[in-house]
All heavy atoms as atom14 arrays in JSON, in Angstrom:
{
  "sequence": "RAMLAPALADPDPVLIFENVMLYNRKAAEE",
  "atom14_mask": [
    [1, 1, 1, 1, 1, 1, 1, 1, 1, 1, 1, 0, 0, 0],
    [1, 1, 1, 1, 1, 0, 0, 0, 0, 0, 0, 0, 0, 0],
    [1, 1, 1, 1, 1, 1, 1, 1, 0, 0, 0, 0, 0, 0],
    [1, 1, 1, 1, 1, 1, 1, 1, 0, 0, 0, 0, 0, 0],
    [1, 1, 1, 1, 1, 0, 0, 0, 0, 0, 0, 0, 0, 0],
    [1, 1, 1, 1, 1, 1, 1, 0, 0, 0, 0, 0, 0, 0],
    [1, 1, 1, 1, 1, 0, 0, 0, 0, 0, 0, 0, 0, 0],
    [1, 1, 1, 1, 1, 1, 1, 1, 0, 0, 0, 0, 0, 0],
    [1, 1, 1, 1, 1, 0, 0, 0, 0, 0, 0, 0, 0, 0],
    [1, 1, 1, 1, 1, 1, 1, 1, 0, 0, 0, 0, 0, 0],
    [1, 1, 1, 1, 1, 1, 1, 0, 0, 0, 0, 0, 0, 0],
    [1, 1, 1, 1, 1, 1, 1, 1, 0, 0, 0, 0, 0, 0],
    [1, 1, 1, 1, 1, 1, 1, 0, 0, 0, 0, 0, 0, 0],
    [1, 1, 1, 1, 1, 1, 1, 0, 0, 0, 0, 0, 0, 0],
    [1, 1, 1, 1, 1, 1, 1, 1, 0, 0, 0, 0, 0, 0],
    [1, 1, 1, 1, 1, 1, 1, 1, 0, 0, 0, 0, 0, 0],
    [1, 1, 1, 1, 1, 1, 1, 1, 1, 1, 1, 0, 0, 0],
    [1, 1, 1, 1, 1, 1, 1, 1, 1, 0, 0, 0, 0, 0],
    [1, 1, 1, 1, 1, 1, 1, 1, 0, 0, 0, 0, 0, 0],
    [1, 1, 1, 1, 1, 1, 1, 0, 0, 0, 0, 0, 0, 0],
    [1, 1, 1, 1, 1, 1, 1, 1, 0, 0, 0, 0, 0, 0],
    [1, 1, 1, 1, 1, 1, 1, 1, 0, 0, 0, 0, 0, 0],
    [1, 1, 1, 1, 1, 1, 1, 1, 1, 1, 1, 1, 0, 0],
    [1, 1, 1, 1, 1, 1, 1, 1, 0, 0, 0, 0, 0, 0],
    [1, 1, 1, 1, 1, 1, 1, 1, 1, 1, 1, 0, 0, 0],
    [1, 1, 1, 1, 1, 1, 1, 1, 1, 0, 0, 0, 0, 0],
    [1, 1, 1, 1, 1, 0, 0, 0, 0, 0, 0, 0, 0, 0],
    [1, 1, 1, 1, 1, 0, 0, 0, 0, 0, 0, 0, 0, 0],
    [1, 1, 1, 1, 1, 1, 1, 1, 1, 0, 0, 0, 0, 0],
    [1, 1, 1, 1, 1, 1, 1, 1, 1, 0, 0, 0, 0, 0]
  ],
  "atom14_positions": [
    [[0.88, 4.08, 3.19], [1.14, 4.14, 4.63], [0.13, 3.36, 5.44], [0.45, 2.76, 6.47], [1.11, 5.62, 5.05], [1.36, 5.88, 6.53], [2.82, 5.68, 6.87], [3.06, 5.93, 8.28], [2.84, 5.03, 9.25], [2.39, 3.82, 8.94], [3.1, 5.32, 10.51], [0.0, 0.0, 0.0], [0.0, 0.0, 0.0], [0.0, 0.0, 0.0]],
    [[-1.14, 3.35, 4.97], [-2.23, 2.87, 5.82], [-2.76, 1.48, 5.49], [-3.43, 0.87, 6.32], [-3.4, 3.86, 5.77], [0.0, 0.0, 0.0], [0.0, 0.0, 0.0], [0.0, 0.0, 0.0], [0.0, 0.0, 0.0], [0.0, 0.0, 0.0], [0.0, 0.0, 0.0], [0.0, 0.0, 0.0], [0.0, 0.0, 0.0], [0.0, 0.0, 0.0]],
    [[-2.48, 0.96, 4.3], [-3.15, -0.27, 3.88], [-2.51, -1.55, 4.38], [-3.16, -2.6, 4.43], [-3.24, -0.33, 2.35], [-4.4, 0.46, 1.77], [-4.56, 0.21, 0.0], [-6.26, 0.72, -0.26], [0.0, 0.0, 0.0], [0.0, 0.0, 0.0], [0.0, 0.0, 0.0], [0.0, 0.0, 0.0], [0.0, 0.0, 0.0], [0.0, 0.0, 0.0]],
    [[-1.23, -1.5, 4.77], [-0.57, -2.73, 5.21], [-1.18, -3.26, 6.5], [-1.37, -4.48, 6.65], [0.92, -2.49, 5.4], [1.74, -3.71, 5.85], [1.69, -4.81, 4.8], [3.19, -3.32, 6.14], [0.0, 0.0, 0.0], [0.0, 0.0, 0.0], [0.0, 0.0, 0.0], [0.0, 0.0, 0.0], [0.0, 0.0, 0.0], [0.0, 0.0, 0.0]],
    [[-1.51, -2.38, 7.42], [-2.04, -2.83, 8.72], [-3.34, -3.62, 8.58], [-3.46, -4.72, 9.12], [-2.24, -1.63, 9.66], [0.0, 0.0, 0.0], [0.0, 0.0, 0.0], [0.0, 0.0, 0.0], [0.0, 0.0, 0.0], [0.0, 0.0, 0.0], [0.0, 0.0, 0.0], [0.0, 0.0, 0.0], [0.0, 0.0, 0.0], [0.0, 0.0, 0.0]],
    [[-4.35, -3.13, 7.84], [-5.56, -3.95, 7.67], [-5.31, -5.23, 6.88], [-5.99, -6.24, 7.09], [-6.54, -3.02, 6.95], [-5.71, -1.94, 6.37], [-4.53, -1.78, 7.28], [0.0, 0.0, 0.0], [0.0, 0.0, 0.0], [0.0, 0.0, 0.0], [0.0, 0.0, 0.0], [0.0, 0.0, 0.0], [0.0, 0.0, 0.0], [0.0, 0.0, 0.0]],
    [[-4.35, -5.2, 5.96], [-4.01, -6.42, 5.23], [-3.45, -7.47, 6.18], [-3.81, -8.66, 6.12], [-3.0, -6.11, 4.13], [0.0, 0.0, 0.0], [0.0, 0.0, 0.0], [0.0, 0.0, 0.0], [0.0, 0.0, 0.0], [0.0, 0.0, 0.0], [0.0, 0.0, 0.0], [0.0, 0.0, 0.0], [0.0, 0.0, 0.0], [0.0, 0.0, 0.0]],
    [[-2.59, -7.05, 7.1], [-2.03, -7.98, 8.08], [-3.08, -8.45, 9.07], [-3.0, -9.57, 9.59], [-0.88, -7.3, 8.84], [0.44, -7.18, 8.08], [1.38, -6.22, 8.8], [1.09, -8.54, 7.91], [0.0, 0.0, 0.0], [0.0, 0.0, 0.0], [0.0, 0.0, 0.0], [0.0, 0.0, 0.0], [0.0, 0.0, 0.0], [0.0, 0.0, 0.0]],
    [[-4.05, -7.61, 9.36], [-5.1, -7.98, 10.31], [-6.07, -8.98, 9.72], [-6.75, -9.71, 10.46], [-5.85, -6.73, 10.76], [0.0, 0.0, 0.0], [0.0, 0.0, 0.0], [0.0, 0.0, 0.0], [0.0, 0.0, 0.0], [0.0, 0.0, 0.0], [0.0, 0.0, 0.0], [0.0, 0.0, 0.0], [0.0, 0.0, 0.0], [0.0, 0.0, 0.0]],
    [[-6.14, -9.03, 8.4], [-7.15, -9.88, 7.76], [-6.8, -11.36, 7.94], [-5.65, -11.75, 7.81], [-7.25, -9.55, 6.28], [-8.56, -10.02, 5.68], [-8.6, -11.18, 5.23], [-9.52, -9.25, 5.68], [0.0, 0.0, 0.0], [0.0, 0.0, 0.0], [0.0, 0.0, 0.0], [0.0, 0.0, 0.0], [0.0, 0.0, 0.0], [0.0, 0.0, 0.0]],
    [[-7.78, -12.2, 8.22], [-7.5, -13.63, 8.41], [-7.29, -14.4, 7.12], [-7.0, -15.6, 7.16], [-8.75, -14.13, 9.15], [-9.82, -13.17, 8.8], [-9.16, -11.84, 8.58], [0.0, 0.0, 0.0], [0.0, 0.0, 0.0], [0.0, 0.0, 0.0], [0.0, 0.0, 0.0], [0.0, 0.0, 0.0], [0.0, 0.0, 0.0], [0.0, 0.0, 0.0]],
    [[-7.39, -13.74, 5.97], [-7.2, -14.39, 4.68], [-6.03, -13.76, 3.94], [-5.6, -12.66, 4.27], [-8.49, -14.27, 3.85], [-9.63, -15.06, 4.45], [-9.46, -16.27, 4.67], [-10.69, -14.46, 4.73], [0.0, 0.0, 0.0], [0.0, 0.0, 0.0], [0.0, 0.0, 0.0], [0.0, 0.0, 0.0], [0.0, 0.0, 0.0], [0.0, 0.0, 0.0]],
    [[-5.49, -14.45, 2.92], [-4.35, -13.91, 2.19], [-4.7, -12.65, 1.43], [-5.75, -12.56, 0.79], [-3.96, -15.05, 1.24], [-5.15, -15.94, 1.16], [-5.87, -15.8, 2.46], [0.0, 0.0, 0.0], [0.0, 0.0, 0.0], [0.0, 0.0, 0.0], [0.0, 0.0, 0.0], [0.0, 0.0, 0.0], [0.0, 0.0, 0.0], [0.0, 0.0, 0.0]],
    [[-3.81, -11.66, 1.51], [-4.0, -10.37, 0.84], [-2.79, -10.1, -0.04], [-1.65, -10.19, 0.43], [-4.18, -9.23, 1.86], [-4.34, -7.89, 1.13], [-5.38, -9.49, 2.76], [0.0, 0.0, 0.0], [0.0, 0.0, 0.0], [0.0, 0.0, 0.0], [0.0, 0.0, 0.0], [0.0, 0.0, 0.0], [0.0, 0.0, 0.0], [0.0, 0.0, 0.0]],
    [[-3.03, -9.76, -1.29], [-1.97, -9.37, -2.21], [-2.01, -7.85, -2.36], [-3.08, -7.27, -2.59], [-2.16, -10.03, -3.58], [-1.6, -11.44, -3.76], [-2.23, -12.42, -2.78], [-1.82, -11.93, -5.19], [0.0, 0.0, 0.0], [0.0, 0.0, 0.0], [0.0, 0.0, 0.0], [0.0, 0.0, 0.0], [0.0, 0.0, 0.0], [0.0, 0.0, 0.0]],
    [[-0.85, -7.22, -2.23], [-0.74, -5.77, -2.38], [0.11, -5.48, -3.62], [1.27, -5.91, -3.7], [-0.1, -5.11, -1.15], [-0.97, -5.37, 0.09], [0.06, -3.61, -1.37], [-0.4, -4.78, 1.37], [0.0, 0.0, 0.0], [0.0, 0.0, 0.0], [0.0, 0.0, 0.0], [0.0, 0.0, 0.0], [0.0, 0.0, 0.0], [0.0, 0.0, 0.0]],
    [[-0.47, -4.76, -4.58], [0.22, -4.42, -5.82], [0.67, -2.96, -5.75], [-0.15, -2.06, -5.6], [-0.69, -4.64, -7.02], [-0.94, -6.09, -7.31], [-1.99, -6.76, -6.71], [-0.12, -6.8, -8.17], [-2.23, -8.1, -6.96], [-0.33, -8.14, -8.43], [-1.39, -8.8, -7.82], [0.0, 0.0, 0.0], [0.0, 0.0, 0.0], [0.0, 0.0, 0.0]],
    [[1.97, -2.75, -5.87], [2.57, -1.42, -5.78], [3.11, -1.03, -7.16], [4.05, -1.63, -7.65], [3.69, -1.43, -4.74], [3.23, -1.89, -3.36], [4.38, -2.31, -2.46], [5.55, -1.92, -2.76], [4.14, -3.02, -1.47], [0.0, 0.0, 0.0], [0.0, 0.0, 0.0], [0.0, 0.0, 0.0], [0.0, 0.0, 0.0], [0.0, 0.0, 0.0]],
    [[2.49, -0.03, -7.77], [2.91, 0.38, -9.1], [4.3, 1.01, -9.04], [4.56, 1.91, -8.24], [1.91, 1.35, -9.7], [2.18, 1.63, -11.16], [3.04, 2.42, -11.5], [1.44, 0.95, -12.03], [0.0, 0.0, 0.0], [0.0, 0.0, 0.0], [0.0, 0.0, 0.0], [0.0, 0.0, 0.0], [0.0, 0.0, 0.0], [0.0, 0.0, 0.0]],
    [[5.18, 0.56, -9.94], [6.58, 1.0, -9.88], [6.74, 2.5, -10.11], [7.72, 3.1, -9.66], [7.44, 0.24, -10.92], [7.53, -1.23, -10.57], [6.9, 0.43, -12.34], [0.0, 0.0, 0.0], [0.0, 0.0, 0.0], [0.0, 0.0, 0.0], [0.0, 0.0, 0.0], [0.0, 0.0, 0.0], [0.0, 0.0, 0.0], [0.0, 0.0, 0.0]],
    [[5.79, 3.11, -10.79], [5.9, 4.53, -11.07], [5.49, 5.41, -9.89], [5.58, 6.64, -9.97], [5.05, 4.89, -12.31], [5.52, 4.18, -13.57], [7.28, 4.43, -13.94], [7.27, 6.18, -14.33], [0.0, 0.0, 0.0], [0.0, 0.0, 0.0], [0.0, 0.0, 0.0], [0.0, 0.0, 0.0], [0.0, 0.0, 0.0], [0.0, 0.0, 0.0]],
    [[5.04, 4.8, -8.81], [4.58, 5.56, -7.66], [5.63, 5.7, -6.57], [5.48, 6.54, -5.67], [3.32, 4.92, -7.06], [2.1, 4.83, -7.98], [0.96, 4.13, -7.25], [1.67, 6.2, -8.46], [0.0, 0.0, 0.0], [0.0, 0.0, 0.0], [0.0, 0.0, 0.0], [0.0, 0.0, 0.0], [0.0, 0.0, 0.0], [0.0, 0.0, 0.0]],
    [[6.69, 4.91, -6.59], [7.6, 4.86, -5.46], [8.22, 6.22, -5.11], [8.48, 6.52, -3.95], [8.71, 3.83, -5.7], [8.26, 2.39, -5.5], [8.41, 1.45, -6.51], [7.7, 1.98, -4.3], [8.01, 0.13, -6.33], [7.29, 0.67, -4.11], [7.44, -0.25, -5.13], [7.04, -1.55, -4.95], [0.0, 0.0, 0.0], [0.0, 0.0, 0.0]],
    [[8.46, 7.06, -6.11], [9.08, 8.36, -5.86], [8.06, 9.48, -5.64], [8.45, 10.63, -5.39], [10.01, 8.74, -7.01], [11.24, 7.84, -7.08], [11.73, 7.38, -6.05], [11.72, 7.59, -8.28], [0.0, 0.0, 0.0], [0.0, 0.0, 0.0], [0.0, 0.0, 0.0], [0.0, 0.0, 0.0], [0.0, 0.0, 0.0], [0.0, 0.0, 0.0]],
    [[6.81, 9.16, -5.74], [5.77, 10.17, -5.59], [5.73, 10.66, -4.14], [5.8, 9.89, -3.2], [4.42, 9.59, -6.0], [3.33, 10.62, -6.08], [2.03, 10.03, -6.61], [1.11, 11.12, -6.89], [1.06, 11.79, -8.03], [1.86, 11.44, -9.01], [0.24, 12.79, -8.2], [0.0, 0.0, 0.0], [0.0, 0.0, 0.0], [0.0, 0.0, 0.0]],
    [[5.56, 11.98, -3.96], [5.53, 12.57, -2.63], [4.11, 12.91, -2.21], [3.25, 13.22, -3.04], [6.4, 13.82, -2.59], [7.89, 13.55, -2.74], [8.7, 14.83, -2.58], [10.19, 14.53, -2.66], [11.01, 15.76, -2.49], [0.0, 0.0, 0.0], [0.0, 0.0, 0.0], [0.0, 0.0, 0.0], [0.0, 0.0, 0.0], [0.0, 0.0, 0.0]],
    [[3.9, 12.89, -0.91], [2.59, 13.22, -0.38], [2.17, 14.63, -0.77], [0.98, 14.9, -0.98], [2.58, 13.06, 1.14], [0.0, 0.0, 0.0], [0.0, 0.0, 0.0], [0.0, 0.0, 0.0], [0.0, 0.0, 0.0], [0.0, 0.0, 0.0], [0.0, 0.0, 0.0], [0.0, 0.0, 0.0], [0.0, 0.0, 0.0], [0.0, 0.0, 0.0]],
    [[3.13, 15.52, -0.89], [2.8, 16.91, -1.25], [2.12, 17.0, -2.61], [1.31, 17.91, -2.85], [4.08, 17.75, -1.25], [0.0, 0.0, 0.0], [0.0, 0.0, 0.0], [0.0, 0.0, 0.0], [0.0, 0.0, 0.0], [0.0, 0.0, 0.0], [0.0, 0.0, 0.0], [0.0, 0.0, 0.0], [0.0, 0.0, 0.0], [0.0, 0.0, 0.0]],
    [[2.42, 16.05, -3.5], [1.81, 16.06, -4.83], [0.34, 15.67, -4.79], [-0.36, 15.8, -5.81], [2.57, 15.1, -5.75], [4.04, 15.45, -5.94], [4.76, 14.4, -6.76], [4.37, 14.19, -7.93], [5.7, 13.77, -6.24], [0.0, 0.0, 0.0], [0.0, 0.0, 0.0], [0.0, 0.0, 0.0], [0.0, 0.0, 0.0], [0.0, 0.0, 0.0]],
    [[-0.12, 15.18, -3.65], [-1.5, 14.72, -3.53], [-2.37, 15.69, -2.75], [-3.49, 15.36, -2.37], [-1.5, 13.33, -2.88], [-0.7, 12.32, -3.7], [-0.44, 11.01, -2.98], [-0.95, 10.84, -1.85], [0.28, 10.17, -3.54], [0.0, 0.0, 0.0], [0.0, 0.0, 0.0], [0.0, 0.0, 0.0], [0.0, 0.0, 0.0], [0.0, 0.0, 0.0]]
  ]
}
């Protein structure tokens, strides 16, 4: 939820890696 905004704010290229096994994970599990 929070990392995209600082990545977009950065003046240099940012790569974001999203693990496929996390997409269904819920906040309640954390």
